[in-house]
């Protein structure tokens, strides 16, 4: 995959990922990488997100998702590819 080509992923992160600033930290990391998309908590305790941008930056975010912020404990990250979208101008936390 060309690292400059746009890539969009959907991810589900499980573990201790709510109440530990996972969403805010994901938003900050995605912003640092210049990505667009969103992140939100799910009722079942997981965190869901979609991120889009240059493939190399998306890959960097995916690698970061496995670690998360210091208080998090990530047990699993499920990533699927999505069709690119132009709906977001930035990366936001959804409630």
N, C-alpha and C. Protein backbone atom coordinates (compact mmCIF):
# COMPACT_ATOMS: atom_id res chain seq x y z
N UNK A 1 0.85 -1.19 0.00
CA UNK A 1 0.00 0.00 0.00
C UNK A 1 0.89 1.24 0.00
N UNK A 2 0.57 2.16 -0.86
CA UNK A 2 1.29 3.43 -0.93
C UNK A 2 1.03 4.21 0.35
N UNK A 3 2.10 4.60 1.05
CA UNK A 3 1.93 5.27 2.34
C UNK A 3 1.34 6.66 2.22
N UNK A 4 1.31 7.24 0.99
CA UNK A 4 0.72 8.56 0.80
C UNK A 4 -0.76 8.46 0.43
N UNK A 5 -1.22 7.29 0.02
CA UNK A 5 -2.63 7.10 -0.35
C UNK A 5 -3.52 7.24 0.88
N UNK A 6 -4.70 7.83 0.71
CA UNK A 6 -5.62 7.93 1.84
C UNK A 6 -6.09 6.55 2.29
N UNK A 7 -6.22 6.40 3.58
CA UNK A 7 -6.68 5.14 4.17
C UNK A 7 -7.64 5.47 5.29
N UNK A 8 -8.72 4.69 5.42
CA UNK A 8 -9.67 4.88 6.51
C UNK A 8 -9.86 3.53 7.19
N UNK A 9 -9.81 3.55 8.52
CA UNK A 9 -10.01 2.33 9.28
C UNK A 9 -11.12 2.52 10.30
N UNK A 10 -11.73 1.41 10.67
CA UNK A 10 -12.68 1.35 11.78
C UNK A 10 -12.00 0.44 12.80
N UNK A 11 -12.00 0.83 14.07
CA UNK A 11 -11.36 0.01 15.10
C UNK A 11 -12.24 -0.10 16.33
N UNK A 12 -12.17 -1.27 16.95
CA UNK A 12 -12.81 -1.53 18.24
C UNK A 12 -11.72 -1.93 19.21
N UNK A 13 -11.62 -1.21 20.32
CA UNK A 13 -10.56 -1.44 21.30
C UNK A 13 -11.20 -1.92 22.59
N UNK A 14 -10.71 -3.06 23.10
CA UNK A 14 -11.26 -3.59 24.34
C UNK A 14 -10.19 -3.68 25.41
N UNK A 15 -10.65 -3.74 26.66
CA UNK A 15 -9.77 -3.76 27.82
C UNK A 15 -10.25 -2.70 28.79
N UNK A 16 -9.32 -2.17 29.57
CA UNK A 16 -9.67 -1.03 30.45
C UNK A 16 -9.39 0.24 29.64
N UNK A 17 -10.41 0.63 28.86
CA UNK A 17 -10.22 1.74 27.94
C UNK A 17 -11.26 2.85 28.12
N UNK A 18 -12.12 2.71 29.13
CA UNK A 18 -13.04 3.80 29.46
C UNK A 18 -12.70 4.31 30.85
N UNK A 19 -12.80 5.64 31.02
CA UNK A 19 -12.47 6.25 32.30
C UNK A 19 -10.98 6.42 32.52
N UNK A 20 -10.20 6.27 31.46
CA UNK A 20 -8.73 6.39 31.57
C UNK A 20 -8.18 7.37 30.52
N UNK A 21 -9.06 8.25 30.02
CA UNK A 21 -8.69 9.26 29.02
C UNK A 21 -8.29 8.66 27.67
N UNK A 22 -8.82 7.47 27.36
CA UNK A 22 -8.49 6.84 26.09
C UNK A 22 -9.02 7.66 24.91
N UNK A 23 -10.27 8.11 24.99
CA UNK A 23 -10.84 8.89 23.88
C UNK A 23 -10.07 10.19 23.67
N UNK A 24 -9.84 10.94 24.74
CA UNK A 24 -9.14 12.22 24.61
C UNK A 24 -7.71 12.01 24.11
N UNK A 25 -7.06 10.98 24.60
CA UNK A 25 -5.69 10.69 24.16
C UNK A 25 -5.66 10.26 22.70
N UNK A 26 -6.68 9.50 22.28
CA UNK A 26 -6.76 9.09 20.88
C UNK A 26 -6.97 10.31 19.99
N UNK A 27 -7.85 11.22 20.42
CA UNK A 27 -8.06 12.46 19.67
C UNK A 27 -6.76 13.25 19.55
N UNK A 28 -6.02 13.35 20.64
CA UNK A 28 -4.76 14.10 20.62
C UNK A 28 -3.74 13.45 19.70
N UNK A 29 -3.63 12.12 19.76
CA UNK A 29 -2.67 11.41 18.92
C UNK A 29 -3.07 11.52 17.45
N UNK A 30 -4.35 11.36 17.15
CA UNK A 30 -4.83 11.49 15.77
C UNK A 30 -4.58 12.90 15.25
N UNK A 31 -4.82 13.90 16.09
CA UNK A 31 -4.55 15.28 15.70
C UNK A 31 -3.08 15.51 15.42
N UNK A 32 -2.23 14.95 16.26
CA UNK A 32 -0.78 15.08 16.07
C UNK A 32 -0.37 14.47 14.73
N UNK A 33 -1.06 13.40 14.34
CA UNK A 33 -0.74 12.71 13.08
C UNK A 33 -1.45 13.31 11.87
N UNK A 34 -2.32 14.31 12.10
CA UNK A 34 -3.02 14.96 11.00
C UNK A 34 -4.17 14.14 10.44
N UNK A 35 -4.79 13.31 11.28
CA UNK A 35 -5.88 12.44 10.83
C UNK A 35 -7.24 13.07 11.08
N UNK A 36 -8.23 12.60 10.34
CA UNK A 36 -9.63 13.00 10.52
C UNK A 36 -10.41 11.79 11.01
N UNK A 37 -11.53 12.04 11.70
CA UNK A 37 -12.37 10.94 12.13
C UNK A 37 -13.01 11.21 13.47
N UNK A 38 -13.28 10.14 14.20
CA UNK A 38 -13.98 10.26 15.48
C UNK A 38 -13.66 9.07 16.37
N UNK A 39 -13.96 9.25 17.67
CA UNK A 39 -13.79 8.19 18.67
C UNK A 39 -14.92 8.33 19.68
N UNK A 40 -15.42 7.18 20.17
CA UNK A 40 -16.50 7.22 21.17
C UNK A 40 -16.46 5.96 22.03
N UNK A 41 -17.04 6.07 23.22
CA UNK A 41 -17.23 4.92 24.10
C UNK A 41 -18.46 4.14 23.64
N UNK A 42 -18.42 2.83 23.81
CA UNK A 42 -19.58 1.98 23.56
C UNK A 42 -20.15 1.50 24.89
N UNK A 43 -21.44 1.20 24.93
CA UNK A 43 -22.06 0.74 26.18
C UNK A 43 -21.44 -0.54 26.76
N UNK A 44 -20.80 -1.35 25.90
CA UNK A 44 -20.22 -2.61 26.38
C UNK A 44 -18.81 -2.46 26.94
N UNK A 45 -18.32 -1.21 27.06
CA UNK A 45 -17.01 -0.96 27.65
C UNK A 45 -15.88 -0.81 26.65
N UNK A 46 -16.16 -1.04 25.38
CA UNK A 46 -15.12 -0.86 24.36
C UNK A 46 -15.11 0.59 23.88
N UNK A 47 -14.06 0.93 23.13
CA UNK A 47 -13.95 2.21 22.46
C UNK A 47 -13.99 1.93 20.96
N UNK A 48 -14.76 2.73 20.24
CA UNK A 48 -14.90 2.59 18.79
C UNK A 48 -14.35 3.85 18.14
N UNK A 49 -13.71 3.69 17.00
CA UNK A 49 -13.22 4.86 16.28
C UNK A 49 -13.11 4.60 14.80
N UNK A 50 -13.10 5.68 14.05
CA UNK A 50 -12.75 5.66 12.64
C UNK A 50 -11.72 6.75 12.44
N UNK A 51 -10.71 6.43 11.65
CA UNK A 51 -9.64 7.40 11.40
C UNK A 51 -9.26 7.34 9.92
N UNK A 52 -8.98 8.50 9.36
CA UNK A 52 -8.64 8.60 7.94
C UNK A 52 -7.51 9.58 7.74
N UNK A 53 -6.65 9.24 6.80
CA UNK A 53 -5.53 10.10 6.44
C UNK A 53 -4.52 9.31 5.64
N UNK A 54 -3.31 9.83 5.56
CA UNK A 54 -2.25 9.13 4.85
C UNK A 54 -2.01 7.77 5.51
N UNK A 55 -1.79 6.76 4.69
CA UNK A 55 -1.67 5.38 5.19
C UNK A 55 -0.61 5.25 6.28
N UNK A 56 0.52 5.93 6.15
CA UNK A 56 1.58 5.81 7.15
C UNK A 56 1.12 6.37 8.50
N UNK A 57 0.39 7.47 8.48
CA UNK A 57 -0.09 8.07 9.72
C UNK A 57 -1.19 7.20 10.35
N UNK A 58 -2.06 6.62 9.52
CA UNK A 58 -3.09 5.72 10.04
C UNK A 58 -2.42 4.51 10.70
N UNK A 59 -1.39 3.98 10.05
CA UNK A 59 -0.66 2.84 10.62
C UNK A 59 -0.02 3.21 11.96
N UNK A 60 0.48 4.43 12.08
CA UNK A 60 1.05 4.89 13.35
C UNK A 60 -0.01 4.95 14.43
N UNK A 61 -1.21 5.43 14.08
CA UNK A 61 -2.29 5.48 15.07
C UNK A 61 -2.69 4.07 15.49
N UNK A 62 -2.81 3.16 14.53
CA UNK A 62 -3.17 1.78 14.87
C UNK A 62 -2.16 1.19 15.85
N UNK A 63 -0.88 1.41 15.61
CA UNK A 63 0.15 0.92 16.54
C UNK A 63 -0.04 1.54 17.92
N UNK A 64 -0.37 2.83 17.97
CA UNK A 64 -0.58 3.52 19.24
C UNK A 64 -1.80 2.95 19.97
N UNK A 65 -2.85 2.56 19.24
CA UNK A 65 -4.07 2.04 19.87
C UNK A 65 -3.79 0.84 20.76
N UNK A 66 -2.78 0.04 20.43
CA UNK A 66 -2.45 -1.14 21.23
C UNK A 66 -1.88 -0.77 22.59
N UNK A 67 -1.39 0.45 22.73
CA UNK A 67 -0.82 0.91 23.99
C UNK A 67 -1.77 1.87 24.70
N UNK A 68 -2.23 2.89 23.98
CA UNK A 68 -3.12 3.88 24.57
C UNK A 68 -2.43 4.73 25.62
N UNK A 69 -3.20 5.48 26.40
CA UNK A 69 -2.63 6.33 27.44
C UNK A 69 -2.11 5.48 28.60
N UNK A 70 -1.32 6.07 29.50
CA UNK A 70 -0.68 5.29 30.57
C UNK A 70 -1.63 4.48 31.45
N UNK A 71 -2.83 4.97 31.75
CA UNK A 71 -3.73 4.26 32.67
C UNK A 71 -4.52 3.15 31.98
N UNK A 72 -4.44 3.07 30.67
CA UNK A 72 -5.23 2.08 29.93
C UNK A 72 -4.57 0.70 29.97
N UNK A 73 -5.41 -0.33 29.82
CA UNK A 73 -4.92 -1.69 29.60
C UNK A 73 -5.67 -2.20 28.38
N UNK A 74 -4.98 -2.32 27.27
CA UNK A 74 -5.59 -2.75 26.01
C UNK A 74 -5.46 -4.26 25.90
N UNK A 75 -6.61 -4.93 25.77
CA UNK A 75 -6.62 -6.38 25.60
C UNK A 75 -6.68 -6.79 24.13
N UNK A 76 -7.39 -6.00 23.32
CA UNK A 76 -7.56 -6.37 21.92
C UNK A 76 -7.89 -5.14 21.09
N UNK A 77 -7.42 -5.15 19.85
CA UNK A 77 -7.76 -4.10 18.88
C UNK A 77 -8.18 -4.81 17.60
N UNK A 78 -9.41 -4.57 17.17
CA UNK A 78 -9.91 -5.13 15.91
C UNK A 78 -9.99 -3.99 14.91
N UNK A 79 -9.31 -4.15 13.79
CA UNK A 79 -9.24 -3.10 12.77
C UNK A 79 -9.79 -3.63 11.46
N UNK A 80 -10.64 -2.85 10.82
CA UNK A 80 -11.13 -3.18 9.48
C UNK A 80 -10.97 -1.95 8.59
N UNK A 81 -10.75 -2.22 7.31
CA UNK A 81 -10.61 -1.14 6.34
C UNK A 81 -11.99 -0.61 5.96
N UNK A 82 -12.06 0.69 5.73
CA UNK A 82 -13.30 1.36 5.33
C UNK A 82 -13.04 2.15 4.05
N UNK A 83 -14.11 2.49 3.35
CA UNK A 83 -13.98 3.36 2.19
C UNK A 83 -13.66 4.78 2.67
N UNK A 84 -12.74 5.47 2.02
CA UNK A 84 -12.44 6.85 2.42
C UNK A 84 -13.70 7.72 2.38
N UNK A 85 -13.73 8.70 3.26
CA UNK A 85 -14.86 9.61 3.38
C UNK A 85 -14.32 11.02 3.47
N UNK A 86 -15.14 11.97 3.14
CA UNK A 86 -14.71 13.38 3.25
C UNK A 86 -15.63 14.13 4.21
N UNK A 87 -16.27 13.38 5.11
CA UNK A 87 -17.26 13.99 6.00
C UNK A 87 -16.66 14.76 7.16
N UNK A 88 -15.44 14.46 7.57
CA UNK A 88 -14.87 15.14 8.74
C UNK A 88 -13.73 16.08 8.33
N UNK A 89 -13.68 17.19 9.05
CA UNK A 89 -12.59 18.14 8.83
C UNK A 89 -11.49 17.95 9.88
N UNK A 90 -11.81 17.24 10.99
CA UNK A 90 -10.84 17.06 12.06
C UNK A 90 -11.13 15.72 12.74
N UNK A 91 -10.52 15.49 13.89
CA UNK A 91 -10.76 14.28 14.66
C UNK A 91 -11.45 14.68 15.96
N UNK A 92 -12.62 14.10 16.23
CA UNK A 92 -13.41 14.55 17.37
C UNK A 92 -13.81 13.39 18.27
N UNK A 93 -14.08 13.75 19.52
CA UNK A 93 -14.65 12.81 20.48
C UNK A 93 -16.15 12.91 20.35
N UNK A 94 -16.79 11.77 20.13
CA UNK A 94 -18.25 11.72 20.09
C UNK A 94 -18.77 11.18 21.40
N UNK A 95 -19.95 11.62 21.80
CA UNK A 95 -20.55 11.14 23.03
C UNK A 95 -21.78 10.31 22.75
